Amino acid sequence: MDTLLREVGGREFHKGVKQSTKEQPLITIITSTFNAASDLLWTIDSIRSQTYPNIQWIIADGGSSDGTVDILKKNEDIIDYWFSEPDKGIYDAWNKALKYVKGEWVQFIGAADEYYDNRVLERVSSVLVCAFPQYEMVYGKVQIISEDRLPIEESGTPWKKMKGSWQGIRPMLPVHPEVFHHHSVFTKYGGFNTQYRIAADTDLMYRTMYKNDPLYIDFFIDKMVVGGVSTDPKGLVRSYKELKEINKNNNIRPSLRNEVITFIRVYVKTFLYHYMPLCVFDKIFSYYKKIKKKKI
């Protein structure tokens, strides 16, 4: 790769690297961006408002051309390390960012995400300070919000209830913005497998949570904007195929019923998306989600 395409910066170049203490573990936050100038402002404001001081924020930008890099440069008081260069997708960006992690605990949040309130990391730190080595992963709850920043639904279930439950052909797992990984996870199990473009975070959680149960904390961590490649009808088939391969590699076997229902749902939804007017498609699946939520 041409090094001229790479830009770097951040607080660490001017004021040095923050350190963990017994009372305040260093929490590293990783965010990947690509032409996310308007979205990133929400996350910047949220992190700036946190009462917890011992944060290392790393941003892996994919070579944006919309002013994102200018925003990174203007906010280096809270962005500890950033780089901007072409990448091969979100998991490639996350893997690159892992090289610069200095914190004991690592969290991945998206551009446009916000913390639930300004004391989230302060509350989480009081748990993280004594969680390891018994727990390598700690997770809480997430509020799913619309693009208009309005609450849609909530995600977050205690591990005792989550373990053994299924979502289609995948065992139920936490959503990645609500999870804090001890840095040893990436030493022991490696980073994200970039052969998966949609479900590499599921693959990592299989390799970690099913070897060492995580700790659940009963409060909200993140406000996550609805969407993403895995929920886009255009990516459903690829996501389904990746999950089948990940299940096979990790010796995880869904029931025949779950296999059949998921197969039908994926291919029917994909068919309707391609052959039905988008406005009709959206209405049908909005209604479907409401019905499904009532049953749950």
Protein backbone atom coordinates (compact mmCIF):
# COMPACT_ATOMS: atom_id res chain seq x y z
CA MET A 1 0.00 0.00 0.00
CA ASP A 2 1.24 3.47 -0.84
CA THR A 3 2.18 5.09 2.48
CA LEU A 4 1.23 8.49 1.00
CA LEU A 5 -2.40 7.36 1.26
CA ARG A 6 -2.09 7.05 5.04
CA GLU A 7 -2.72 9.86 7.49
CA VAL A 8 -2.34 9.54 11.27
CA GLY A 9 -2.88 11.74 14.28
CA GLY A 10 -4.31 11.93 17.74
CA ARG A 11 -3.81 13.06 21.29
CA GLU A 12 -1.09 10.44 21.95
CA PHE A 13 1.30 12.19 19.56
CA HIS A 14 1.16 15.35 21.69
CA LYS A 15 0.46 14.29 25.27
CA GLY A 16 1.51 10.65 25.49
CA VAL A 17 -0.31 7.40 26.20
CA LYS A 18 -2.74 7.05 29.08
CA GLN A 19 -2.15 4.25 31.59
CA SER A 20 -4.38 1.92 33.59
CA THR A 21 -4.45 2.17 37.37
CA LYS A 22 -5.93 -0.18 39.96
CA GLU A 23 -8.79 2.23 40.52
CA GLN A 24 -9.31 3.27 36.89
CA PRO A 25 -8.66 0.66 34.19
CA LEU A 26 -7.95 2.16 30.78
CA ILE A 27 -10.91 1.49 28.46
CA THR A 28 -10.13 1.50 24.74
CA ILE A 29 -12.98 2.40 22.40
CA ILE A 30 -12.60 1.47 18.72
CA THR A 31 -14.70 3.08 15.99
CA SER A 32 -14.41 2.49 12.25
CA THR A 33 -15.52 5.23 9.87
CA PHE A 34 -15.92 5.84 6.17
CA ASN A 35 -17.46 9.09 4.94
CA ALA A 36 -19.23 9.41 8.29
CA ALA A 37 -18.74 13.12 8.99
CA SER A 38 -22.30 13.87 10.07
CA ASP A 39 -22.73 10.61 12.01
CA LEU A 40 -19.45 10.88 13.89
CA LEU A 41 -20.44 14.14 15.58
CA TRP A 42 -22.99 12.29 17.72
CA THR A 43 -20.31 9.92 19.00
CA ILE A 44 -17.80 12.72 19.60
CA ASP A 45 -20.27 14.66 21.74
CA SER A 46 -21.20 11.53 23.68
CA ILE A 47 -17.61 10.54 24.48
CA ARG A 48 -16.68 14.11 25.32
CA SER A 49 -19.48 14.19 27.92
CA GLN A 50 -18.37 11.02 29.75
CA THR A 51 -17.47 11.56 33.40
CA TYR A 52 -14.91 8.73 33.29
CA PRO A 53 -11.48 10.13 32.36
CA ASN A 54 -9.39 7.05 31.54
CA ILE A 55 -10.42 6.42 27.94
CA GLN A 56 -8.37 5.67 24.84
CA TRP A 57 -10.40 6.31 21.70
CA ILE A 58 -9.06 4.87 18.44
CA ILE A 59 -10.69 5.69 15.10
CA ALA A 60 -9.91 3.61 12.02
CA ASP A 61 -10.99 5.59 8.99
CA GLY A 62 -11.21 3.94 5.58
CA GLY A 63 -9.90 6.88 3.57
CA SER A 64 -12.88 9.24 3.79
CA SER A 65 -13.29 12.15 1.40
CA ASP A 66 -16.29 13.90 3.01
CA GLY A 67 -14.53 15.89 5.72
CA THR A 68 -14.31 13.10 8.28
CA VAL A 69 -10.52 13.49 8.54
CA ASP A 70 -10.90 17.20 9.22
CA ILE A 71 -13.26 16.37 12.09
CA LEU A 72 -10.71 13.89 13.48
CA LYS A 73 -8.01 16.55 13.43
CA LYS A 74 -10.24 19.08 15.19
CA ASN A 75 -11.11 16.67 18.01
CA GLU A 76 -7.71 15.26 18.92
CA ASP A 77 -8.24 16.33 22.52
CA ILE A 78 -10.47 13.24 22.93
CA ILE A 79 -9.36 11.08 19.96
CA ASP A 80 -6.19 9.41 21.21
CA TYR A 81 -5.13 7.74 17.96
CA TRP A 82 -6.61 7.87 14.49
CA PHE A 83 -5.51 6.77 11.06
CA SER A 84 -7.04 7.13 7.63
CA GLU A 85 -6.25 4.70 4.82
CA PRO A 86 -8.16 2.36 2.49
CA ASP A 87 -9.35 -0.85 4.13
CA LYS A 88 -11.26 -4.00 3.23
CA GLY A 89 -14.26 -3.41 5.44
CA ILE A 90 -15.18 -2.96 9.09
CA TYR A 91 -13.41 -6.05 10.42
CA ASP A 92 -10.20 -5.21 8.60
CA ALA A 93 -10.42 -1.72 10.12
CA TRP A 94 -11.01 -3.14 13.60
CA ASN A 95 -8.04 -5.51 13.25
CA LYS A 96 -5.80 -2.60 12.24
CA ALA A 97 -6.98 -0.60 15.26
CA LEU A 98 -6.23 -3.50 17.64
CA LYS A 99 -2.50 -2.91 17.02
CA TYR A 100 -2.74 0.40 18.88
CA VAL A 101 -4.79 -0.73 21.88
CA LYS A 102 -3.30 0.27 25.22
CA GLY A 103 -6.34 -0.38 27.39
CA GLU A 104 -7.14 -3.36 29.58
CA TRP A 105 -10.64 -3.49 28.12
CA VAL A 106 -11.79 -2.92 24.53
CA GLN A 107 -15.19 -1.88 23.18
CA PHE A 108 -16.30 -1.47 19.55
CA ILE A 109 -18.91 1.19 18.81
CA GLY A 110 -20.15 2.63 15.54
CA ALA A 111 -20.02 6.16 14.20
CA ALA A 112 -23.44 7.64 15.10
CA ASP A 113 -23.64 5.55 18.28
CA GLU A 114 -24.01 7.32 21.61
CA TYR A 115 -23.52 6.20 25.18
CA TYR A 116 -26.79 5.89 27.05
CA ASP A 117 -25.83 8.68 29.44
CA ASN A 118 -22.71 10.52 30.55
CA ARG A 119 -21.94 8.14 33.44
CA VAL A 120 -21.94 4.86 31.50
CA LEU A 121 -18.18 4.31 31.47
CA GLU A 122 -17.88 5.40 35.10
CA ARG A 123 -20.39 2.71 36.11
CA VAL A 124 -18.84 0.08 33.83
CA SER A 125 -15.33 0.76 35.16
CA SER A 126 -16.44 -0.12 38.70
CA VAL A 127 -17.27 -3.61 37.37
CA LEU A 128 -14.29 -4.00 35.04
CA VAL A 129 -11.80 -3.20 37.79
CA CYS A 130 -12.40 -6.61 39.40
CA ALA A 131 -13.93 -8.67 36.54
CA PHE A 132 -10.75 -10.23 35.13
CA PRO A 133 -9.48 -12.99 35.28
CA GLN A 134 -12.82 -14.63 36.11
CA TYR A 135 -14.46 -12.88 33.17
CA GLU A 136 -12.91 -12.02 29.81
CA MET A 137 -16.04 -10.33 28.49
CA VAL A 138 -18.56 -8.06 30.19
CA TYR A 139 -21.77 -6.86 28.55
CA GLY A 140 -24.89 -4.85 29.32
CA LYS A 141 -27.86 -3.58 27.33
CA VAL A 142 -28.34 -1.54 24.16
CA GLN A 143 -31.13 0.74 23.05
CA ILE A 144 -31.81 0.52 19.32
CA ILE A 145 -32.69 3.93 17.88
CA SER A 146 -33.93 5.18 14.52
CA GLU A 147 -31.99 7.47 12.19
CA ASP A 148 -34.07 10.25 13.75
CA ARG A 149 -32.58 9.26 17.15
CA LEU A 150 -35.89 7.90 18.47
CA PRO A 151 -36.03 4.69 20.60
CA ILE A 152 -37.23 1.60 18.72
CA GLU A 153 -36.44 -1.38 20.92
CA GLU A 154 -34.06 -2.69 23.57
CA SER A 155 -31.49 -5.48 23.50
CA GLY A 156 -29.83 -7.15 26.45
CA THR A 157 -30.51 -10.41 28.28
CA PRO A 158 -28.74 -12.07 31.23
CA TRP A 159 -26.36 -14.81 30.06
CA LYS A 160 -28.25 -17.52 31.98
CA LYS A 161 -31.31 -16.80 29.83
CA MET A 162 -29.37 -16.08 26.64
CA LYS A 163 -27.21 -19.21 26.70
CA GLY A 164 -29.10 -22.01 25.01
CA SER A 165 -31.52 -19.66 23.22
CA TRP A 166 -31.48 -19.18 19.46
CA GLN A 167 -31.98 -16.43 16.90
CA GLY A 168 -32.59 -18.33 13.68
CA ILE A 169 -29.55 -20.53 13.05
CA ARG A 170 -27.38 -18.53 15.45
CA PRO A 171 -27.22 -18.95 19.22
CA MET A 172 -28.37 -15.74 20.92
CA LEU A 173 -25.44 -13.41 21.56
CA PRO A 174 -24.95 -9.84 22.83
CA VAL A 175 -24.80 -6.98 20.33
CA HIS A 176 -21.19 -5.85 19.89
CA PRO A 177 -21.53 -2.23 21.19
CA GLU A 178 -22.68 -3.51 24.58
CA VAL A 179 -19.62 -5.76 25.02
CA PHE A 180 -16.30 -5.00 26.72
CA HIS A 181 -13.51 -7.46 25.82
CA HIS A 182 -10.45 -7.92 28.01
CA HIS A 183 -7.36 -7.31 25.85
CA SER A 184 -6.21 -10.90 26.49
CA VAL A 185 -9.11 -12.10 24.29
CA PHE A 186 -7.27 -10.92 21.18
CA THR A 187 -3.98 -12.44 22.31
CA LYS A 188 -5.57 -15.83 22.97
CA TYR A 189 -8.10 -16.05 20.15
CA GLY A 190 -6.81 -13.60 17.55
CA GLY A 191 -8.71 -10.78 15.91
CA PHE A 192 -11.62 -10.82 13.49
CA ASN A 193 -11.63 -13.28 10.61
CA THR A 194 -11.84 -11.00 7.58
CA GLN A 195 -13.02 -13.77 5.26
CA TYR A 196 -16.41 -12.94 6.83
CA ARG A 197 -17.70 -9.55 5.73
CA ILE A 198 -20.87 -9.53 7.86
CA ALA A 199 -20.62 -12.02 10.73
CA ALA A 200 -17.00 -11.94 11.95
CA ASP A 201 -18.10 -10.52 15.31
CA THR A 202 -20.34 -13.58 15.76
CA ASP A 203 -17.35 -15.81 14.97
CA LEU A 204 -15.24 -14.05 17.63
CA MET A 205 -17.97 -14.37 20.26
CA TYR A 206 -18.31 -18.09 19.51
CA ARG A 207 -14.57 -18.49 20.12
CA THR A 208 -14.71 -16.60 23.42
CA MET A 209 -18.11 -16.65 25.15
CA TYR A 210 -18.60 -20.37 24.62
CA LYS A 211 -15.26 -21.09 26.30
CA ASN A 212 -15.64 -18.66 29.19
CA ASP A 213 -19.07 -17.33 30.19
CA PRO A 214 -19.35 -13.50 30.10
CA LEU A 215 -20.57 -11.29 32.93
CA TYR A 216 -23.88 -9.49 32.43
CA ILE A 217 -24.43 -6.03 33.95
CA ASP A 218 -28.01 -4.83 34.12
CA PHE A 219 -27.83 -1.32 32.71
CA PHE A 220 -27.78 0.36 29.32
CA ILE A 221 -24.44 0.93 27.61
CA ASP A 222 -25.10 2.23 24.12
CA LYS A 223 -27.67 3.80 21.81
CA MET A 224 -27.15 2.06 18.48
CA VAL A 225 -28.66 3.31 15.24
CA VAL A 226 -30.75 0.63 13.51
CA GLY A 227 -29.36 -0.81 10.31
CA GLY A 228 -26.07 -2.26 9.20
CA VAL A 229 -25.14 -4.78 6.55
CA SER A 230 -26.48 -7.78 8.48
CA THR A 231 -30.01 -6.27 8.61
CA ASP A 232 -30.04 -5.09 4.97
CA PRO A 233 -32.08 -7.42 2.72
CA LYS A 234 -29.28 -7.17 0.14
CA GLY A 235 -26.89 -8.79 2.64
CA LEU A 236 -29.24 -11.41 4.08
CA VAL A 237 -28.15 -14.29 1.88
CA ARG A 238 -24.46 -13.61 2.44
CA SER A 239 -25.03 -13.29 6.20
CA TYR A 240 -26.94 -16.60 6.20
CA LYS A 241 -24.17 -18.40 4.32
CA GLU A 242 -21.48 -16.96 6.59
CA LEU A 243 -23.36 -18.04 9.70
CA LYS A 244 -23.74 -21.58 8.34
CA GLU A 245 -19.98 -21.76 7.75
CA ILE A 246 -19.18 -20.26 11.17
CA ASN A 247 -21.53 -22.78 12.84
CA LYS A 248 -19.81 -25.64 11.04
CA ASN A 249 -16.31 -24.44 11.98
CA ASN A 250 -17.32 -24.06 15.63
CA ASN A 251 -19.30 -27.31 15.81
CA ILE A 252 -22.56 -25.49 16.58
CA ARG A 253 -25.70 -27.21 15.34
CA PRO A 254 -29.09 -25.46 15.20
CA SER A 255 -32.24 -27.58 15.18
CA LEU A 256 -33.73 -28.72 11.87
CA ARG A 257 -36.74 -26.51 12.61
CA ASN A 258 -34.53 -23.43 12.99
CA GLU A 259 -32.64 -24.34 9.81
CA VAL A 260 -35.84 -24.62 7.76
CA ILE A 261 -37.53 -21.51 9.15
CA THR A 262 -34.40 -19.39 8.70
CA PHE A 263 -33.85 -20.63 5.15
CA ILE A 264 -37.44 -19.78 4.18
CA ARG A 265 -37.35 -16.38 5.90
CA VAL A 266 -34.06 -15.35 4.27
CA TYR A 267 -34.95 -16.31 0.73
CA VAL A 268 -38.58 -15.11 0.88
CA LYS A 269 -37.48 -11.74 2.25
CA THR A 270 -34.77 -11.45 -0.40
CA PHE A 271 -37.21 -12.38 -3.18
CA LEU A 272 -39.79 -9.83 -2.00
CA TYR A 273 -37.13 -7.13 -1.67
CA HIS A 274 -36.12 -7.56 -5.31
CA TYR A 275 -39.60 -7.90 -6.82
CA MET A 276 -41.85 -5.74 -4.63
CA PRO A 277 -42.07 -1.91 -4.51
CA LEU A 278 -39.86 -0.71 -1.68
CA CYS A 279 -42.67 1.21 0.06
CA VAL A 280 -44.82 -1.95 0.19
CA PHE A 281 -41.87 -4.07 1.35
CA ASP A 282 -41.15 -1.64 4.21
CA LYS A 283 -44.78 -1.63 5.37
CA ILE A 284 -45.03 -5.42 5.36
CA PHE A 285 -41.87 -5.95 7.36
CA SER A 286 -42.61 -3.13 9.79
CA TYR A 287 -45.88 -4.90 10.55
CA TYR A 288 -44.07 -8.26 10.78
CA LYS A 289 -41.62 -6.82 13.34
CA LYS A 290 -44.49 -5.51 15.47
CA ILE A 291 -46.23 -8.90 15.45
CA LYS A 292 -42.97 -10.71 16.27
CA LYS A 293 -42.24 -8.31 19.13
CA LYS A 294 -45.71 -8.89 20.64
CA LYS A 295 -45.16 -12.66 20.57
CA ILE A 296 -41.79 -12.30 22.31
